[in-house]
Amino acid sequence: MNNEIPNNIVEADIAIVLTDIIASTKFVQKNGSRAAALWFGVHDKAVMNFMQRHNGRLVDASDGHLMYFAN
């Protein structure tokens, strides 16, 4: 199944998903960057696995992810 959205498409139904780690700055300040990196890595891995299983596309990432799914 091809889940690519053509460049010349005028309209498409897609699902847009945004994740966010609430209070990530406070978490880093309280627990340190090493601990934060470990926890954020767990979040990243879960999101990437979900995207792969459901043919998602990553748009942007920071302390959260913006992604879309074409089906």
PDB file of N, CA and C in Angstrom:
ATOM      1  N   MET A   1       0.851  -1.177   0.000  1.00  0.00           N
ATOM      2  CA  MET A   1       0.000   0.000   0.000  1.00  0.00           C
ATOM      3  C   MET A   1       0.892   1.234   0.000  1.00  0.00           C
ATOM      4  N   ASN A   2       0.608   2.160  -0.896  1.00  0.00           N
ATOM      5  CA  ASN A   2       1.387   3.383  -0.998  1.00  0.00           C
ATOM      6  C   ASN A   2       0.722   4.472  -0.163  1.00  0.00           C
ATOM      7  N   ASN A   3       1.418   4.958   0.848  1.00  0.00           N
ATOM      8  CA  ASN A   3       0.865   5.990   1.734  1.00  0.00           C
ATOM      9  C   ASN A   3       1.446   7.365   1.461  1.00  0.00           C
ATOM     10  N   GLU A   4       2.152   7.507   0.354  1.00  0.00           N
ATOM     11  CA  GLU A   4       2.719   8.803  -0.002  1.00  0.00           C
ATOM     12  C   GLU A   4       1.614   9.749  -0.473  1.00  0.00           C
ATOM     13  N   ILE A   5       1.725  10.992  -0.107  1.00  0.00           N
ATOM     14  CA  ILE A   5       0.785  12.006  -0.587  1.00  0.00           C
ATOM     15  C   ILE A   5       1.431  12.674  -1.803  1.00  0.00           C
ATOM     16  N   PRO A   6       0.776  12.605  -2.966  1.00  0.00           N
ATOM     17  CA  PRO A   6       1.367  13.194  -4.172  1.00  0.00           C
ATOM     18  C   PRO A   6       1.593  14.697  -4.014  1.00  0.00           C
ATOM     19  N   ASN A   7       2.621  15.207  -4.698  1.00  0.00           N
ATOM     20  CA  ASN A   7       2.951  16.632  -4.634  1.00  0.00           C
ATOM     21  C   ASN A   7       1.871  17.509  -5.247  1.00  0.00           C
ATOM     22  N   ASN A   8       1.124  16.978  -6.212  1.00  0.00           N
ATOM     23  CA  ASN A   8       0.133  17.787  -6.921  1.00  0.00           C
ATOM     24  C   ASN A   8      -1.278  17.633  -6.361  1.00  0.00           C
ATOM     25  N   ILE A   9      -1.429  17.050  -5.217  1.00  0.00           N
ATOM     26  CA  ILE A   9      -2.752  16.823  -4.648  1.00  0.00           C
ATOM     27  C   ILE A   9      -3.350  18.131  -4.131  1.00  0.00           C
ATOM     28  N   VAL A  10      -4.632  18.292  -4.324  1.00  0.00           N
ATOM     29  CA  VAL A  10      -5.324  19.494  -3.879  1.00  0.00           C
ATOM     30  C   VAL A  10      -5.921  19.283  -2.494  1.00  0.00           C
ATOM     31  N   GLU A  11      -6.422  18.083  -2.229  1.00  0.00           N
ATOM     32  CA  GLU A  11      -7.072  17.803  -0.960  1.00  0.00           C
ATOM     33  C   GLU A  11      -6.775  16.362  -0.566  1.00  0.00           C
ATOM     34  N   ALA A  12      -6.583  16.140   0.738  1.00  0.00           N
ATOM     35  CA  ALA A  12      -6.345  14.789   1.238  1.00  0.00           C
ATOM     36  C   ALA A  12      -6.846  14.695   2.669  1.00  0.00           C
ATOM     37  N   ASP A  13      -7.313  13.528   3.025  1.00  0.00           N
ATOM     38  CA  ASP A  13      -7.673  13.250   4.409  1.00  0.00           C
ATOM     39  C   ASP A  13      -6.467  12.621   5.077  1.00  0.00           C
ATOM     40  N   ILE A  14      -5.943  13.285   6.108  1.00  0.00           N
ATOM     41  CA  ILE A  14      -4.806  12.765   6.854  1.00  0.00           C
ATOM     42  C   ILE A  14      -5.085  12.937   8.348  1.00  0.00           C
ATOM     43  N   ALA A  15      -4.382  12.172   9.134  1.00  0.00           N
ATOM     44  CA  ALA A  15      -4.433  12.340  10.587  1.00  0.00           C
ATOM     45  C   ALA A  15      -3.153  13.038  11.008  1.00  0.00           C
ATOM     46  N   ILE A  16      -3.279  14.105  11.773  1.00  0.00           N
ATOM     47  CA  ILE A  16      -2.130  14.840  12.290  1.00  0.00           C
ATOM     48  C   ILE A  16      -2.029  14.545  13.780  1.00  0.00           C
ATOM     49  N   VAL A  17      -0.831  14.153  14.215  1.00  0.00           N
ATOM     50  CA  VAL A  17      -0.620  13.790  15.615  1.00  0.00           C
ATOM     51  C   VAL A  17       0.532  14.620  16.167  1.00  0.00           C
ATOM     52  N   LEU A  18       0.324  15.177  17.335  1.00  0.00           N
ATOM     53  CA  LEU A  18       1.344  15.951  18.032  1.00  0.00           C
ATOM     54  C   LEU A  18       1.544  15.360  19.414  1.00  0.00           C
ATOM     55  N   THR A  19       2.795  15.040  19.739  1.00  0.00           N
ATOM     56  CA  THR A  19       3.107  14.617  21.104  1.00  0.00           C
ATOM     57  C   THR A  19       3.902  15.734  21.769  1.00  0.00           C
ATOM     58  N   ASP A  20       3.838  15.782  23.080  1.00  0.00           N
ATOM     59  CA  ASP A  20       4.576  16.798  23.812  1.00  0.00           C
ATOM     60  C   ASP A  20       4.905  16.250  25.197  1.00  0.00           C
ATOM     61  N   ILE A  21       6.119  16.461  25.624  1.00  0.00           N
ATOM     62  CA  ILE A  21       6.506  16.113  26.988  1.00  0.00           C
ATOM     63  C   ILE A  21       6.265  17.351  27.832  1.00  0.00           C
ATOM     64  N   ILE A  22       5.184  17.320  28.593  1.00  0.00           N
ATOM     65  CA  ILE A  22       4.788  18.477  29.400  1.00  0.00           C
ATOM     66  C   ILE A  22       5.831  18.738  30.483  1.00  0.00           C
ATOM     67  N   ALA A  23       6.200  19.992  30.637  1.00  0.00           N
ATOM     68  CA  ALA A  23       7.168  20.443  31.648  1.00  0.00           C
ATOM     69  C   ALA A  23       8.547  19.836  31.444  1.00  0.00           C
ATOM     70  N   SER A  24       8.942  19.667  30.191  1.00  0.00           N
ATOM     71  CA  SER A  24      10.247  19.062  29.911  1.00  0.00           C
ATOM     72  C   SER A  24      11.404  19.912  30.439  1.00  0.00           C
ATOM     73  N   THR A  25      11.276  21.223  30.353  1.00  0.00           N
ATOM     74  CA  THR A  25      12.344  22.095  30.860  1.00  0.00           C
ATOM     75  C   THR A  25      12.505  21.929  32.366  1.00  0.00           C
ATOM     76  N   LYS A  26      11.397  21.891  33.094  1.00  0.00           N
ATOM     77  CA  LYS A  26      11.469  21.677  34.549  1.00  0.00           C
ATOM     78  C   LYS A  26      12.053  20.314  34.879  1.00  0.00           C
ATOM     79  N   PHE A  27      11.700  19.308  34.076  1.00  0.00           N
ATOM     80  CA  PHE A  27      12.231  17.968  34.292  1.00  0.00           C
ATOM     81  C   PHE A  27      13.756  17.961  34.153  1.00  0.00           C
ATOM     82  N   VAL A  28      14.259  18.622  33.124  1.00  0.00           N
ATOM     83  CA  VAL A  28      15.708  18.700  32.917  1.00  0.00           C
ATOM     84  C   VAL A  28      16.369  19.441  34.071  1.00  0.00           C
ATOM     85  N   GLN A  29      15.777  20.554  34.495  1.00  0.00           N
ATOM     86  CA  GLN A  29      16.340  21.337  35.592  1.00  0.00           C
ATOM     87  C   GLN A  29      16.379  20.535  36.889  1.00  0.00           C
ATOM     88  N   LYS A  30      15.353  19.761  37.138  1.00  0.00           N
ATOM     89  CA  LYS A  30      15.261  19.002  38.382  1.00  0.00           C
ATOM     90  C   LYS A  30      16.130  17.744  38.371  1.00  0.00           C
ATOM     91  N   ASN A  31      16.175  17.039  37.227  1.00  0.00           N
ATOM     92  CA  ASN A  31      16.814  15.721  37.169  1.00  0.00           C
ATOM     93  C   ASN A  31      18.141  15.687  36.413  1.00  0.00           C
ATOM     94  N   GLY A  32      18.468  16.759  35.723  1.00  0.00           N
ATOM     95  CA  GLY A  32      19.706  16.810  34.961  1.00  0.00           C
ATOM     96  C   GLY A  32      19.530  16.338  33.531  1.00  0.00           C
ATOM     97  N   SER A  33      20.445  16.762  32.691  1.00  0.00           N
ATOM     98  CA  SER A  33      20.321  16.476  31.260  1.00  0.00           C
ATOM     99  C   SER A  33      20.525  15.003  30.936  1.00  0.00           C
ATOM    100  N   ARG A  34      21.350  14.315  31.693  1.00  0.00           N
ATOM    101  CA  ARG A  34      21.593  12.885  31.417  1.00  0.00           C
ATOM    102  C   ARG A  34      20.322  12.074  31.662  1.00  0.00           C
ATOM    103  N   ALA A  35      19.678  12.263  32.813  1.00  0.00           N
ATOM    104  CA  ALA A  35      18.431  11.549  33.115  1.00  0.00           C
ATOM    105  C   ALA A  35      17.336  11.925  32.125  1.00  0.00           C
ATOM    106  N   ALA A  36      17.276  13.214  31.790  1.00  0.00           N
ATOM    107  CA  ALA A  36      16.264  13.668  30.841  1.00  0.00           C
ATOM    108  C   ALA A  36      16.473  13.014  29.480  1.00  0.00           C
ATOM    109  N   ALA A  37      17.711  12.938  29.035  1.00  0.00           N
ATOM    110  CA  ALA A  37      18.002  12.323  27.735  1.00  0.00           C
ATOM    111  C   ALA A  37      17.546  10.864  27.708  1.00  0.00           C
ATOM    112  N   LEU A  38      17.721  10.159  28.810  1.00  0.00           N
ATOM    113  CA  LEU A  38      17.271   8.768  28.874  1.00  0.00           C
ATOM    114  C   LEU A  38      15.757   8.665  28.740  1.00  0.00           C
ATOM    115  N   TRP A  39      15.037   9.484  29.508  1.00  0.00           N
ATOM    116  CA  TRP A  39      13.574   9.453  29.442  1.00  0.00           C
ATOM    117  C   TRP A  39      13.055   9.942  28.103  1.00  0.00           C
ATOM    118  N   PHE A  40      13.646  10.987  27.564  1.00  0.00           N
ATOM    119  CA  PHE A  40      13.210  11.492  26.261  1.00  0.00           C
ATOM    120  C   PHE A  40      13.491  10.461  25.172  1.00  0.00           C
ATOM    121  N   GLY A  41      14.569   9.710  25.329  1.00  0.00           N
ATOM    122  CA  GLY A  41      14.879   8.635  24.383  1.00  0.00           C
ATOM    123  C   GLY A  41      13.817   7.549  24.382  1.00  0.00           C
ATOM    124  N   VAL A  42      13.285   7.240  25.559  1.00  0.00           N
ATOM    125  CA  VAL A  42      12.191   6.266  25.658  1.00  0.00           C
ATOM    126  C   VAL A  42      10.972   6.781  24.889  1.00  0.00           C
ATOM    127  N   HIS A  43      10.666   8.056  25.083  1.00  0.00           N
ATOM    128  CA  HIS A  43       9.541   8.674  24.372  1.00  0.00           C
ATOM    129  C   HIS A  43       9.778   8.636  22.862  1.00  0.00           C
ATOM    130  N   ASP A  44      10.969   9.027  22.426  1.00  0.00           N
ATOM    131  CA  ASP A  44      11.296   9.026  20.995  1.00  0.00           C
ATOM    132  C   ASP A  44      11.149   7.632  20.396  1.00  0.00           C
ATOM    133  N   LYS A  45      11.651   6.630  21.089  1.00  0.00           N
ATOM    134  CA  LYS A  45      11.595   5.252  20.578  1.00  0.00           C
ATOM    135  C   LYS A  45      10.144   4.793  20.436  1.00  0.00           C
ATOM    136  N   ALA A  46       9.314   5.092  21.428  1.00  0.00           N
ATOM    137  CA  ALA A  46       7.904   4.701  21.362  1.00  0.00           C
ATOM    138  C   ALA A  46       7.202   5.370  20.180  1.00  0.00           C
ATOM    139  N   VAL A  47       7.462   6.657  19.988  1.00  0.00           N
ATOM    140  CA  VAL A  47       6.836   7.393  18.886  1.00  0.00           C
ATOM    141  C   VAL A  47       7.317   6.845  17.544  1.00  0.00           C
ATOM    142  N   MET A  48       8.609   6.620  17.398  1.00  0.00           N
ATOM    143  CA  MET A  48       9.143   6.118  16.129  1.00  0.00           C
ATOM    144  C   MET A  48       8.612   4.723  15.812  1.00  0.00           C
ATOM    145  N   ASN A  49       8.488   3.881  16.821  1.00  0.00           N
ATOM    146  CA  ASN A  49       7.914   2.548  16.606  1.00  0.00           C
ATOM    147  C   ASN A  49       6.462   2.647  16.153  1.00  0.00           C
ATOM    148  N   PHE A  50       5.699   3.541  16.780  1.00  0.00           N
ATOM    149  CA  PHE A  50       4.302   3.752  16.403  1.00  0.00           C
ATOM    150  C   PHE A  50       4.209   4.232  14.958  1.00  0.00           C
ATOM    151  N   MET A  51       5.046   5.214  14.611  1.00  0.00           N
ATOM    152  CA  MET A  51       5.030   5.735  13.238  1.00  0.00           C
ATOM    153  C   MET A  51       5.367   4.647  12.232  1.00  0.00           C
ATOM    154  N   GLN A  52       6.348   3.834  12.541  1.00  0.00           N
ATOM    155  CA  GLN A  52       6.746   2.766  11.617  1.00  0.00           C
ATOM    156  C   GLN A  52       5.616   1.748  11.440  1.00  0.00           C
ATOM    157  N   ARG A  53       4.976   1.354  12.540  1.00  0.00           N
ATOM    158  CA  ARG A  53       3.890   0.368  12.465  1.00  0.00           C
ATOM    159  C   ARG A  53       2.701   0.874  11.657  1.00  0.00           C
ATOM    160  N   HIS A  54       2.488   2.198  11.675  1.00  0.00           N
ATOM    161  CA  HIS A  54       1.297   2.757  11.046  1.00  0.00           C
ATOM    162  C   HIS A  54       1.619   3.662   9.857  1.00  0.00           C
ATOM    163  N   ASN A  55       2.822   3.510   9.308  1.00  0.00           N
ATOM    164  CA  ASN A  55       3.235   4.248   8.099  1.00  0.00           C
ATOM    165  C   ASN A  55       3.114   5.758   8.243  1.00  0.00           C
ATOM    166  N   GLY A  56       3.532   6.269   9.390  1.00  0.00           N
ATOM    167  CA  GLY A  56       3.492   7.703   9.624  1.00  0.00           C
ATOM    168  C   GLY A  56       4.698   8.411   9.040  1.00  0.00           C
ATOM    169  N   ARG A  57       4.592   9.712   8.957  1.00  0.00           N
ATOM    170  CA  ARG A  57       5.678  10.575   8.476  1.00  0.00           C
ATOM    171  C   ARG A  57       5.966  11.634   9.528  1.00  0.00           C
ATOM    172  N   LEU A  58       7.241  11.770   9.876  1.00  0.00           N
ATOM    173  CA  LEU A  58       7.668  12.775  10.838  1.00  0.00           C
ATOM    174  C   LEU A  58       7.808  14.116  10.130  1.00  0.00           C
ATOM    175  N   VAL A  59       7.212  15.160  10.718  1.00  0.00           N
ATOM    176  CA  VAL A  59       7.317  16.517  10.182  1.00  0.00           C
ATOM    177  C   VAL A  59       8.375  17.295  10.953  1.00  0.00           C
ATOM    178  N   ASP A  60       8.340  17.194  12.297  1.00  0.00           N
ATOM    179  CA  ASP A  60       9.273  17.939  13.139  1.00  0.00           C
ATOM    180  C   ASP A  60       9.364  17.258  14.499  1.00  0.00           C
ATOM    181  N   ALA A  61      10.485  17.478  15.177  1.00  0.00           N
ATOM    182  CA  ALA A  61      10.666  16.891  16.513  1.00  0.00           C
ATOM    183  C   ALA A  61      11.504  17.823  17.377  1.00  0.00           C
ATOM    184  N   SER A  62      11.174  17.851  18.659  1.00  0.00           N
ATOM    185  CA  SER A  62      11.961  18.552  19.678  1.00  0.00           C
ATOM    186  C   SER A  62      11.719  17.786  20.967  1.00  0.00           C
ATOM    187  N   ASP A  63      11.001  18.365  21.937  1.00  0.00           N
ATOM    188  CA  ASP A  63      10.619  17.592  23.112  1.00  0.00           C
ATOM    189  C   ASP A  63       9.259  16.930  22.860  1.00  0.00           C
ATOM    190  N   GLY A  64       8.877  16.903  21.634  1.00  0.00           N
ATOM    191  CA  GLY A  64       7.664  16.249  21.166  1.00  0.00           C
ATOM    192  C   GLY A  64       7.813  15.981  19.681  1.00  0.00           C
ATOM    193  N   HIS A  65       6.763  15.508  19.062  1.00  0.00           N
ATOM    194  CA  HIS A  65       6.823  15.158  17.650  1.00  0.00           C
ATOM    195  C   HIS A  65       5.564  15.645  16.938  1.00  0.00           C
ATOM    196  N   LEU A  66       5.747  16.097  15.722  1.00  0.00           N
ATOM    197  CA  LEU A  66       4.637  16.416  14.846  1.00  0.00           C
ATOM    198  C   LEU A  66       4.723  15.440  13.689  1.00  0.00           C
ATOM    199  N   MET A  67       3.657  14.694  13.474  1.00  0.00           N
ATOM    200  CA  MET A  67       3.666  13.675  12.434  1.00  0.00           C
ATOM    201  C   MET A  67       2.296  13.594  11.772  1.00  0.00           C
ATOM    202  N   TYR A  68       2.259  12.931  10.606  1.00  0.00           N
ATOM    203  CA  TYR A  68       0.973  12.706   9.972  1.00  0.00           C
ATOM    204  C   TYR A  68       0.904  11.292   9.449  1.00  0.00           C
ATOM    205  N   PHE A  69      -0.332  10.854   9.264  1.00  0.00           N
ATOM    206  CA  PHE A  69      -0.616   9.524   8.766  1.00  0.00           C
ATOM    207  C   PHE A  69      -1.601   9.673   7.607  1.00  0.00           C
ATOM    208  N   ALA A  70      -1.244   9.086   6.462  1.00  0.00           N
ATOM    209  CA  ALA A  70      -2.038   9.250   5.263  1.00  0.00           C
ATOM    210  C   ALA A  70      -3.183   8.243   5.148  1.00  0.00           C
ATOM    211  N   ASN A  71      -3.257   7.297   6.073  1.00  0.00           N
ATOM    212  CA  ASN A  71      -4.374   6.332   6.014  1.00  0.00           C
ATOM    213  C   ASN A  71      -4.911   6.082   7.397  1.00  0.00           C
TER     214      ASN A  71
END
